[in-house]
C-alpha atoms as a PDB file:
ATOM      1  CA  MET A   1     137.610 107.419  86.625  1.00  0.00           C
ATOM      2  CA  ILE A   2     135.180 106.187  89.301  1.00  0.00           C
ATOM      3  CA  PHE A   3     134.288 108.359  92.327  1.00  0.00           C
ATOM      4  CA  ALA A   4     136.507 106.027  94.628  1.00  0.00           C
ATOM      5  CA  ASP A   5     139.719 106.678  92.512  1.00  0.00           C
ATOM      6  CA  LYS A   6     138.853 110.484  92.501  1.00  0.00           C
ATOM      7  CA  LEU A   7     138.509 110.642  96.275  1.00  0.00           C
ATOM      8  CA  ILE A   8     141.769 108.917  96.843  1.00  0.00           C
ATOM      9  CA  THR A   9     143.580 111.213  94.341  1.00  0.00           C
ATOM     10  CA  LEU A  10     141.964 114.386  95.955  1.00  0.00           C
ATOM     11  CA  ARG A  11     142.801 113.254  99.542  1.00  0.00           C
ATOM     12  CA  LYS A  12     146.381 112.529  98.813  1.00  0.00           C
ATOM     13  CA  LYS A  13     146.845 115.641  96.907  1.00  0.00           C
ATOM     14  CA  ALA A  14     145.539 117.596  99.929  1.00  0.00           C
ATOM     15  CA  GLY A  15     147.987 115.674 102.155  1.00  0.00           C
ATOM     16  CA  TRP A  16     145.304 114.129 104.371  1.00  0.00           C
ATOM     17  CA  SER A  17     144.982 110.701 105.869  1.00  0.00           C
ATOM     18  CA  GLN A  18     141.739 108.833 105.929  1.00  0.00           C
ATOM     19  CA  GLU A  19     141.389 109.689 109.591  1.00  0.00           C
ATOM     20  CA  GLU A  20     141.875 113.399 108.965  1.00  0.00           C
ATOM     21  CA  LEU A  21     139.366 113.478 106.044  1.00  0.00           C
ATOM     22  CA  ALA A  22     136.818 111.513 108.215  1.00  0.00           C
ATOM     23  CA  GLU A  23     137.225 114.093 110.983  1.00  0.00           C
ATOM     24  CA  LYS A  24     136.488 117.093 108.606  1.00  0.00           C
ATOM     25  CA  LEU A  25     133.294 115.276 107.425  1.00  0.00           C
ATOM     26  CA  ASN A  26     132.314 114.076 110.810  1.00  0.00           C
ATOM     27  CA  VAL A  27     132.219 110.445 109.798  1.00  0.00           C
ATOM     28  CA  THR A  28     134.144 107.343 110.829  1.00  0.00           C
ATOM     29  CA  ARG A  29     137.402 106.359 109.169  1.00  0.00           C
ATOM     30  CA  GLN A  30     135.716 103.126 108.090  1.00  0.00           C
ATOM     31  CA  SER A  31     133.259 105.167 106.032  1.00  0.00           C
ATOM     32  CA  VAL A  32     135.944 106.886 104.186  1.00  0.00           C
ATOM     33  CA  SER A  33     137.733 103.465 103.640  1.00  0.00           C
ATOM     34  CA  LYS A  34     134.428 102.079 102.241  1.00  0.00           C
ATOM     35  CA  TRP A  35     134.130 105.070  99.831  1.00  0.00           C
ATOM     36  CA  GLU A  36     137.669 104.659  98.587  1.00  0.00           C
ATOM     37  CA  GLY A  37     137.216 100.897  98.265  1.00  0.00           C
ATOM     38  CA  ALA A  38     134.202 101.466  96.040  1.00  0.00           C
ATOM     39  CA  GLN A  39     132.035  99.456  98.638  1.00  0.00           C
ATOM     40  CA  SER A  40     129.615 102.293  99.155  1.00  0.00           C
ATOM     41  CA  VAL A  41     128.831 105.933  98.064  1.00  0.00           C
ATOM     42  CA  PRO A  42     128.323 108.960 100.310  1.00  0.00           C
ATOM     43  CA  ASP A  43     124.995 110.725 100.263  1.00  0.00           C
ATOM     44  CA  ILE A  44     124.463 114.087  98.752  1.00  0.00           C
ATOM     45  CA  ASP A  45     125.159 115.971 101.935  1.00  0.00           C
ATOM     46  CA  LYS A  46     128.769 114.411 102.012  1.00  0.00           C
ATOM     47  CA  ILE A  47     129.068 114.937  98.339  1.00  0.00           C
ATOM     48  CA  LEU A  48     128.430 118.672  98.760  1.00  0.00           C
ATOM     49  CA  GLN A  49     130.895 118.733 101.731  1.00  0.00           C
ATOM     50  CA  LEU A  50     133.580 116.937  99.657  1.00  0.00           C
ATOM     51  CA  SER A  51     133.073 119.401  96.740  1.00  0.00           C
ATOM     52  CA  ARG A  52     133.654 122.382  99.158  1.00  0.00           C
ATOM     53  CA  LEU A  53     136.665 120.759 100.808  1.00  0.00           C
ATOM     54  CA  PHE A  54     138.546 119.916  97.608  1.00  0.00           C
ATOM     55  CA  GLY A  55     137.211 122.870  95.628  1.00  0.00           C
ATOM     56  CA  VAL A  56     135.821 120.780  92.762  1.00  0.00           C
ATOM     57  CA  THR A  57     132.380 120.565  91.263  1.00  0.00           C
ATOM     58  CA  THR A  58     129.720 117.929  92.260  1.00  0.00           C
ATOM     59  CA  ASP A  59     129.468 116.904  88.629  1.00  0.00           C
ATOM     60  CA  TYR A  60     133.196 115.922  88.569  1.00  0.00           C
ATOM     61  CA  LEU A  61     132.728 113.775  91.734  1.00  0.00           C
ATOM     62  CA  LEU A  62     129.620 111.977  90.478  1.00  0.00           C
ATOM     63  CA  LYS A  63     130.382 111.507  86.753  1.00  0.00           C
ATOM     64  CA  ASP A  64     132.600 108.531  85.839  1.00  0.00           C
ATOM     65  CA  ASP A  65     133.472 110.035  82.482  1.00  0.00           C
ATOM     66  CA  ALA A  66     134.819 113.275  84.073  1.00  0.00           C
ATOM     67  CA  ALA A  67     138.496 112.530  84.102  1.00  0.00           C
ATOM     68  CA  GLU A  68     139.957 115.866  84.710  1.00  0.00           C
ATOM     69  CA  PRO A  69     138.948 117.906  87.977  1.00  0.00           C
ATOM     70  CA  GLU A  70     136.475 120.649  87.382  1.00  0.00           C
ATOM     71  CA  TYR A  71     137.431 123.349  89.976  1.00  0.00           C
ATOM     72  CA  THR A  72     134.852 125.717  91.375  1.00  0.00           C
ATOM     73  CA  GLU A  73     135.381 129.616  91.288  1.00  0.00           C
ATOM     74  CA  ASP A  74     135.256 129.819  95.047  1.00  0.00           C
ATOM     75  CA  ASP A  75     135.838 126.729  97.245  1.00  0.00           C
ATOM     76  CA  THR A  76     135.433 128.678 100.511  1.00  0.00           C
ATOM     77  CA  SER A  77     131.907 129.900 100.268  1.00  0.00           C
ATOM     78  CA  PRO A  78     129.359 127.842 102.181  1.00  0.00           C
ATOM     79  CA  LEU A  79     126.208 126.468 100.748  1.00  0.00           C
ATOM     80  CA  PRO A  80     123.535 129.299 100.983  1.00  0.00           C
ATOM     81  CA  ARG A  81     120.844 128.662 103.416  1.00  0.00           C
ATOM     82  CA  VAL A  82     117.145 129.652 102.964  1.00  0.00           C
ATOM     83  CA  THR A  83     115.388 130.776 106.109  1.00  0.00           C
ATOM     84  CA  LEU A  84     111.700 130.524 106.665  1.00  0.00           C
ATOM     85  CA  ALA A  85     111.418 134.280 106.371  1.00  0.00           C
ATOM     86  CA  GLN A  86     113.083 134.314 102.884  1.00  0.00           C
ATOM     87  CA  ALA A  87     110.752 131.460 101.764  1.00  0.00           C
ATOM     88  CA  ASN A  88     107.734 133.381 102.887  1.00  0.00           C
ATOM     89  CA  ASP A  89     109.055 136.471 101.062  1.00  0.00           C
ATOM     90  CA  TYR A  90     109.509 134.458  97.863  1.00  0.00           C
ATOM     91  CA  LEU A  91     105.990 133.105  98.119  1.00  0.00           C
ATOM     92  CA  ALA A  92     104.574 136.533  98.699  1.00  0.00           C
ATOM     93  CA  LYS A  93     106.356 137.861  95.528  1.00  0.00           C
ATOM     94  CA  THR A  94     104.928 134.986  93.576  1.00  0.00           C
ATOM     95  CA  GLN A  95     101.383 135.712  94.800  1.00  0.00           C
ATOM     96  CA  THR A  96     101.968 139.397  93.852  1.00  0.00           C
ATOM     97  CA  ASN A  97     102.894 138.388  90.245  1.00  0.00           C
ATOM     98  CA  ALA A  98      99.925 136.109  89.911  1.00  0.00           C
ATOM     99  CA  PRO A  99      97.353 138.838  88.963  1.00  0.00           C
ATOM    100  CA  LYS A 100      99.780 140.120  86.255  1.00  0.00           C
ATOM    101  CA  LEU A 101      99.960 136.622  84.686  1.00  0.00           C
ATOM    102  CA  ALA A 102      96.228 136.381  84.893  1.00  0.00           C
ATOM    103  CA  LEU A 103      95.673 139.665  83.228  1.00  0.00           C
ATOM    104  CA  ALA A 104      98.019 138.672  80.386  1.00  0.00           C
ATOM    105  CA  THR A 105      96.046 135.485  79.902  1.00  0.00           C
ATOM    106  CA  ALA A 106      92.851 137.358  79.835  1.00  0.00           C
ATOM    107  CA  LEU A 107      94.058 139.637  77.220  1.00  0.00           C
ATOM    108  CA  CYS A 108      95.048 136.792  75.015  1.00  0.00           C
ATOM    109  CA  ILE A 109      91.444 135.352  75.422  1.00  0.00           C
ATOM    110  CA  ILE A 110      89.598 138.442  74.679  1.00  0.00           C
ATOM    111  CA  SER A 111      91.756 139.885  71.917  1.00  0.00           C
ATOM    112  CA  PRO A 112      89.719 138.191  69.083  1.00  0.00           C
ATOM    113  CA  ILE A 113      86.492 139.999  70.264  1.00  0.00           C
ATOM    114  CA  PRO A 114      87.603 143.418  69.329  1.00  0.00           C
ATOM    115  CA  LEU A 115      88.777 142.151  65.973  1.00  0.00           C
ATOM    116  CA  LEU A 116      85.280 140.929  65.086  1.00  0.00           C
ATOM    117  CA  ALA A 117      83.748 144.187  66.266  1.00  0.00           C
ATOM    118  CA  LEU A 118      86.130 146.357  64.354  1.00  0.00           C
ATOM    119  CA  GLY A 119      86.044 144.180  61.090  1.00  0.00           C
ATOM    120  CA  THR A 120      83.649 146.483  59.442  1.00  0.00           C
ATOM    121  CA  LEU A 121      84.999 149.714  60.414  1.00  0.00           C
ATOM    122  CA  SER A 122      87.188 152.070  58.469  1.00  0.00           C
ATOM    123  CA  GLU A 123      90.897 151.875  57.725  1.00  0.00           C
ATOM    124  CA  PHE A 124      91.601 153.286  61.218  1.00  0.00           C
ATOM    125  CA  GLY A 125      89.473 150.540  62.745  1.00  0.00           C
ATOM    126  CA  GLY A 126      91.522 147.997  60.837  1.00  0.00           C
ATOM    127  CA  THR A 127      94.737 149.540  62.028  1.00  0.00           C
ATOM    128  CA  VAL A 128      93.378 149.116  65.704  1.00  0.00           C
ATOM    129  CA  SER A 129      92.396 145.688  65.034  1.00  0.00           C
ATOM    130  CA  LEU A 130      95.866 144.745  63.771  1.00  0.00           C
ATOM    131  CA  PHE A 131      97.375 146.311  66.841  1.00  0.00           C
ATOM    132  CA  LEU A 132      95.281 144.332  69.095  1.00  0.00           C
ATOM    133  CA  LEU A 133      96.225 141.167  67.298  1.00  0.00           C
ATOM    134  CA  VAL A 134      99.913 141.925  67.475  1.00  0.00           C
ATOM    135  CA  LEU A 135      99.544 142.817  71.246  1.00  0.00           C
ATOM    136  CA  GLY A 136      97.732 139.498  71.920  1.00  0.00           C
ATOM    137  CA  SER A 137     100.447 137.560  70.028  1.00  0.00           C
ATOM    138  CA  THR A 138     103.171 139.369  71.854  1.00  0.00           C
ATOM    139  CA  VAL A 139     101.746 138.631  75.342  1.00  0.00           C
ATOM    140  CA  THR A 140     101.178 135.015  74.421  1.00  0.00           C
ATOM    141  CA  GLN A 141     104.846 134.762  73.097  1.00  0.00           C
ATOM    142  CA  ILE A 142     106.175 136.432  76.348  1.00  0.00           C
ATOM    143  CA  GLN A 143     104.210 133.922  78.557  1.00  0.00           C
ATOM    144  CA  TRP A 144     105.536 131.025  76.505  1.00  0.00           C
ATOM    145  CA  ASP A 145     109.107 132.116  76.782  1.00  0.00           C
ATOM    146  CA  LYS A 146     108.642 132.239  80.687  1.00  0.00           C
ATOM    147  CA  ILE A 147     107.513 128.656  80.704  1.00  0.00           C
ATOM    148  CA  ASN A 148     109.616 127.110  77.925  1.00  0.00           C
ATOM    149  CA  CYS A 149     113.269 126.262  79.009  1.00  0.00           C
ATOM    150  CA  ASP A 150     116.311 124.494  77.645  1.00  0.00           C
ATOM    151  CA  TRP A 151     117.503 122.586  80.653  1.00  0.00           C
ATOM    152  CA  SER A 152     121.012 121.238  81.173  1.00  0.00           C
ATOM    153  CA  SER A 153     121.642 118.012  79.298  1.00  0.00           C
ATOM    154  CA  GLU A 154     123.693 116.792  82.430  1.00  0.00           C
ATOM    155  CA  LYS A 155     122.661 116.006  85.993  1.00  0.00           C
ATOM    156  CA  LYS A 156     123.283 118.834  88.365  1.00  0.00           C
ATOM    157  CA  VAL A 157     122.243 120.166  91.850  1.00  0.00           C
ATOM    158  CA  TYR A 158     119.183 122.280  92.016  1.00  0.00           C
ATOM    159  CA  ARG A 159     117.344 124.255  94.773  1.00  0.00           C
ATOM    160  CA  GLY A 160     113.827 124.671  94.883  1.00  0.00           C
ATOM    161  CA  VAL A 161     110.585 125.214  96.916  1.00  0.00           C
ATOM    162  CA  VAL A 162     107.709 122.712  96.911  1.00  0.00           C
ATOM    163  CA  GLN A 163     104.607 124.658  95.648  1.00  0.00           C
ATOM    164  CA  GLU A 164     101.758 122.283  96.576  1.00  0.00           C
ATOM    165  CA  THR A 165     101.146 119.251  98.669  1.00  0.00           C
ATOM    166  CA  PRO A 166     102.763 116.273  96.992  1.00  0.00           C
ATOM    167  CA  VAL A 167     100.636 113.634  95.454  1.00  0.00           C
ATOM    168  CA  GLU A 168     101.341 110.066  96.336  1.00  0.00           C
ATOM    169  CA  LYS A 169     101.616 107.589  93.397  1.00  0.00           C
ATOM    170  CA  GLU A 170     102.420 103.813  93.388  1.00  0.00           C
ATOM    171  CA  LYS A 171     106.311 104.223  93.587  1.00  0.00           C
ATOM    172  CA  VAL A 172     106.921 107.926  93.729  1.00  0.00           C
ATOM    173  CA  MET A 173     105.786 111.159  95.498  1.00  0.00           C
ATOM    174  CA  VAL A 174     105.063 113.784  92.753  1.00  0.00           C
ATOM    175  CA  CYS A 175     105.777 117.395  93.724  1.00  0.00           C
ATOM    176  CA  LYS A 176     105.447 120.608  91.917  1.00  0.00           C
ATOM    177  CA  VAL A 177     108.718 122.457  92.585  1.00  0.00           C
ATOM    178  CA  LYS A 178     109.798 126.086  91.730  1.00  0.00           C
ATOM    179  CA  THR A 179     113.422 126.052  90.707  1.00  0.00           C
ATOM    180  CA  GLU A 180     115.368 128.655  88.602  1.00  0.00           C
ATOM    181  CA  ASP A 181     112.128 130.777  88.348  1.00  0.00           C
ATOM    182  CA  ARG A 182     110.282 127.902  86.640  1.00  0.00           C
ATOM    183  CA  GLN A 183     107.919 125.117  87.791  1.00  0.00           C
ATOM    184  CA  VAL A 184     109.063 121.499  87.524  1.00  0.00           C
ATOM    185  CA  LEU A 185     107.161 118.359  88.092  1.00  0.00           C
ATOM    186  CA  LEU A 186     109.486 116.303  90.498  1.00  0.00           C
ATOM    187  CA  SER A 187     109.013 112.600  91.000  1.00  0.00           C
ATOM    188  CA  VAL A 188     110.784 111.532  94.278  1.00  0.00           C
ATOM    189  CA  TYR A 189     111.328 107.854  95.080  1.00  0.00           C
ATOM    190  CA  LYS A 190     108.534 106.940  97.530  1.00  0.00           C
ATOM    191  CA  ASP A 191     109.573 106.020 101.091  1.00  0.00           C
ATOM    192  CA  SER A 192     108.766 107.007 104.715  1.00  0.00           C
ATOM    193  CA  LEU A 193     110.859 110.140 104.319  1.00  0.00           C
ATOM    194  CA  SER A 194     109.673 111.440 100.959  1.00  0.00           C
ATOM    195  CA  GLN A 195     106.103 111.044 102.280  1.00  0.00           C
ATOM    196  CA  THR A 196     106.857 113.868 104.733  1.00  0.00           C
ATOM    197  CA  LEU A 197     107.304 116.330 102.072  1.00  0.00           C
ATOM    198  CA  GLN A 198     104.924 119.227 102.206  1.00  0.00           C
ATOM    199  CA  SER A 199     104.142 122.540 100.678  1.00  0.00           C
ATOM    200  CA  GLY A 200     106.639 125.326 101.465  1.00  0.00           C
ATOM    201  CA  ASP A 201     109.638 122.918 101.960  1.00  0.00           C
ATOM    202  CA  ASN A 202     112.974 124.218 100.528  1.00  0.00           C
ATOM    203  CA  ILE A 203     114.711 121.263  98.994  1.00  0.00           C
ATOM    204  CA  LEU A 204     118.035 120.449  97.440  1.00  0.00           C
ATOM    205  CA  PHE A 205     118.161 117.732  94.735  1.00  0.00           C
ATOM    206  CA  TYR A 206     120.419 116.191  92.228  1.00  0.00           C
ATOM    207  CA  GLY A 207     118.988 115.111  88.976  1.00  0.00           C
ATOM    208  CA  LYS A 208     118.315 115.736  85.231  1.00  0.00           C
ATOM    209  CA  ILE A 209     115.422 117.992  84.359  1.00  0.00           C
ATOM    210  CA  ARG A 210     113.906 117.432  80.984  1.00  0.00           C
ATOM    211  CA  SER A 211     111.513 119.557  79.020  1.00  0.00           C
ATOM    212  CA  PRO A 212     108.010 118.200  78.719  1.00  0.00           C
ATOM    213  CA  HIS A 213     107.940 115.485  75.896  1.00  0.00           C
ATOM    214  CA  ASN A 214     105.803 112.831  74.533  1.00  0.00           C
ATOM    215  CA  ALA A 215     106.593 109.106  73.771  1.00  0.00           C
ATOM    216  CA  GLY A 216     106.001 109.554  70.092  1.00  0.00           C
ATOM    217  CA  ASN A 217     103.285 106.947  69.851  1.00  0.00           C
ATOM    218  CA  PRO A 218     100.469 107.580  67.284  1.00  0.00           C
ATOM    219  CA  TYR A 219      97.302 108.967  68.767  1.00  0.00           C
ATOM    220  CA  GLU A 220      98.739 109.356  72.262  1.00  0.00           C
ATOM    221  CA  PHE A 221      97.555 112.081  74.576  1.00  0.00           C
ATOM    222  CA  ASP A 222      99.616 115.321  74.008  1.00  0.00           C
ATOM    223  CA  TYR A 223     101.069 115.262  77.624  1.00  0.00           C
ATOM    224  CA  ALA A 224     103.769 117.763  76.777  1.00  0.00           C
ATOM    225  CA  SER A 225     101.470 120.380  75.692  1.00  0.00           C
ATOM    226  CA  TYR A 226      99.193 119.662  78.655  1.00  0.00           C
ATOM    227  CA  LEU A 227     102.094 120.297  81.078  1.00  0.00           C
ATOM    228  CA  LEU A 228     103.144 123.588  79.255  1.00  0.00           C
ATOM    229  CA  ARG A 229      99.532 124.790  79.549  1.00  0.00           C
ATOM    230  CA  LYS A 230      99.822 123.972  83.189  1.00  0.00           C
ATOM    231  CA  GLN A 231     103.052 126.170  83.368  1.00  0.00           C
ATOM    232  CA  ILE A 232     105.168 123.081  84.014  1.00  0.00           C
ATOM    233  CA  SER A 233     108.616 123.734  82.382  1.00  0.00           C
ATOM    234  CA  GLY A 234     110.168 120.287  83.035  1.00  0.00           C
ATOM    235  CA  THR A 235     110.038 116.917  84.603  1.00  0.00           C
ATOM    236  CA  ALA A 236     112.711 115.104  86.728  1.00  0.00           C
ATOM    237  CA  TYR A 237     113.066 111.799  88.710  1.00  0.00           C
ATOM    238  CA  VAL A 238     115.145 111.878  91.945  1.00  0.00           C
ATOM    239  CA  TYR A 239     116.507 108.613  93.463  1.00  0.00           C
ATOM    240  CA  ALA A 240     116.563 107.921  97.222  1.00  0.00           C
ATOM    241  CA  GLY A 241     119.629 109.558  98.925  1.00  0.00           C
ATOM    242  CA  TYR A 242     119.954 112.401  96.334  1.00  0.00           C
ATOM    243  CA  TRP A 243     117.705 114.975  97.880  1.00  0.00           C
ATOM    244  CA  ARG A 244     117.184 116.831 101.132  1.00  0.00           C
ATOM    245  CA  VAL A 245     115.100 119.353 102.845  1.00  0.00           C
ATOM    246  CA  MET A 246     117.092 122.427 103.748  1.00  0.00           C
ATOM    247  CA  ASP A 247     117.283 123.889 107.322  1.00  0.00           C
ATOM    248  CA  LYS A 248     116.055 120.552 108.637  1.00  0.00           C
ATOM    249  CA  PRO A 249     117.932 117.367 109.747  1.00  0.00           C
ATOM    250  CA  ARG A 250     119.141 115.386 106.805  1.00  0.00           C
ATOM    251  CA  VAL A 251     116.306 113.824 104.989  1.00  0.00           C
ATOM    252  CA  LEU A 252     117.908 110.547 103.886  1.00  0.00           C
ATOM    253  CA  SER A 253     121.097 108.824 104.669  1.00  0.00           C
ATOM    254  CA  GLN A 254     120.944 105.537 102.675  1.00  0.00           C
ATOM    255  CA  PHE A 255     124.674 105.213 102.160  1.00  0.00           C
ATOM    256  CA  SER A 256     127.460 105.037 104.692  1.00  0.00           C
END
């Protein structure tokens, strides 16, 4: 079932006319008519409003293969807003944890040195060496578990914070984004609006995040391992109209 059919079914089930739905969404009746006629698609901001109004998930509204409504647990709770103070507090906590991560990395690097020095000592020395080896391996595994992630196989809505100044490429703006306590390399379709993204922006985007992977060609550069070493847990591409900066005027409104 396509989005247009779902919208008609949900509107009639709620007992609303096109005019009443348009008033609740602060749009014109013609916009609702175009959506229901499959002539255009609402932007992500209106998709979120429709999700709250009808109490269904955004996945149900956007996926054609979702025939049965997927209801949310609470259709009255508003979308959480992140203030500038909350964002600054988040960044401060991240900076506080940075020295701990650096210390763990340093322990991994120096752990072989004591092993070499203690190699000629007694049985006690051998025990200490084994302990240091286990400690180094454990720290490494902990850090790997923090980076590695099994992302959802379906598209969904994510919230994140831009960590660095985005890099402009030929067709996209590449941003390092912190979402779900992990860093993701986000490629946003380049236009005049995405070029205004900057470090510290709180963004909302809809897409599919994939774990770092290679193309599988012989002798290719191991890009997946490179990203993981850079503590990048996933990559994603976001189309125009499927993202916005929170606590600011709507970033993009491509569709009616």
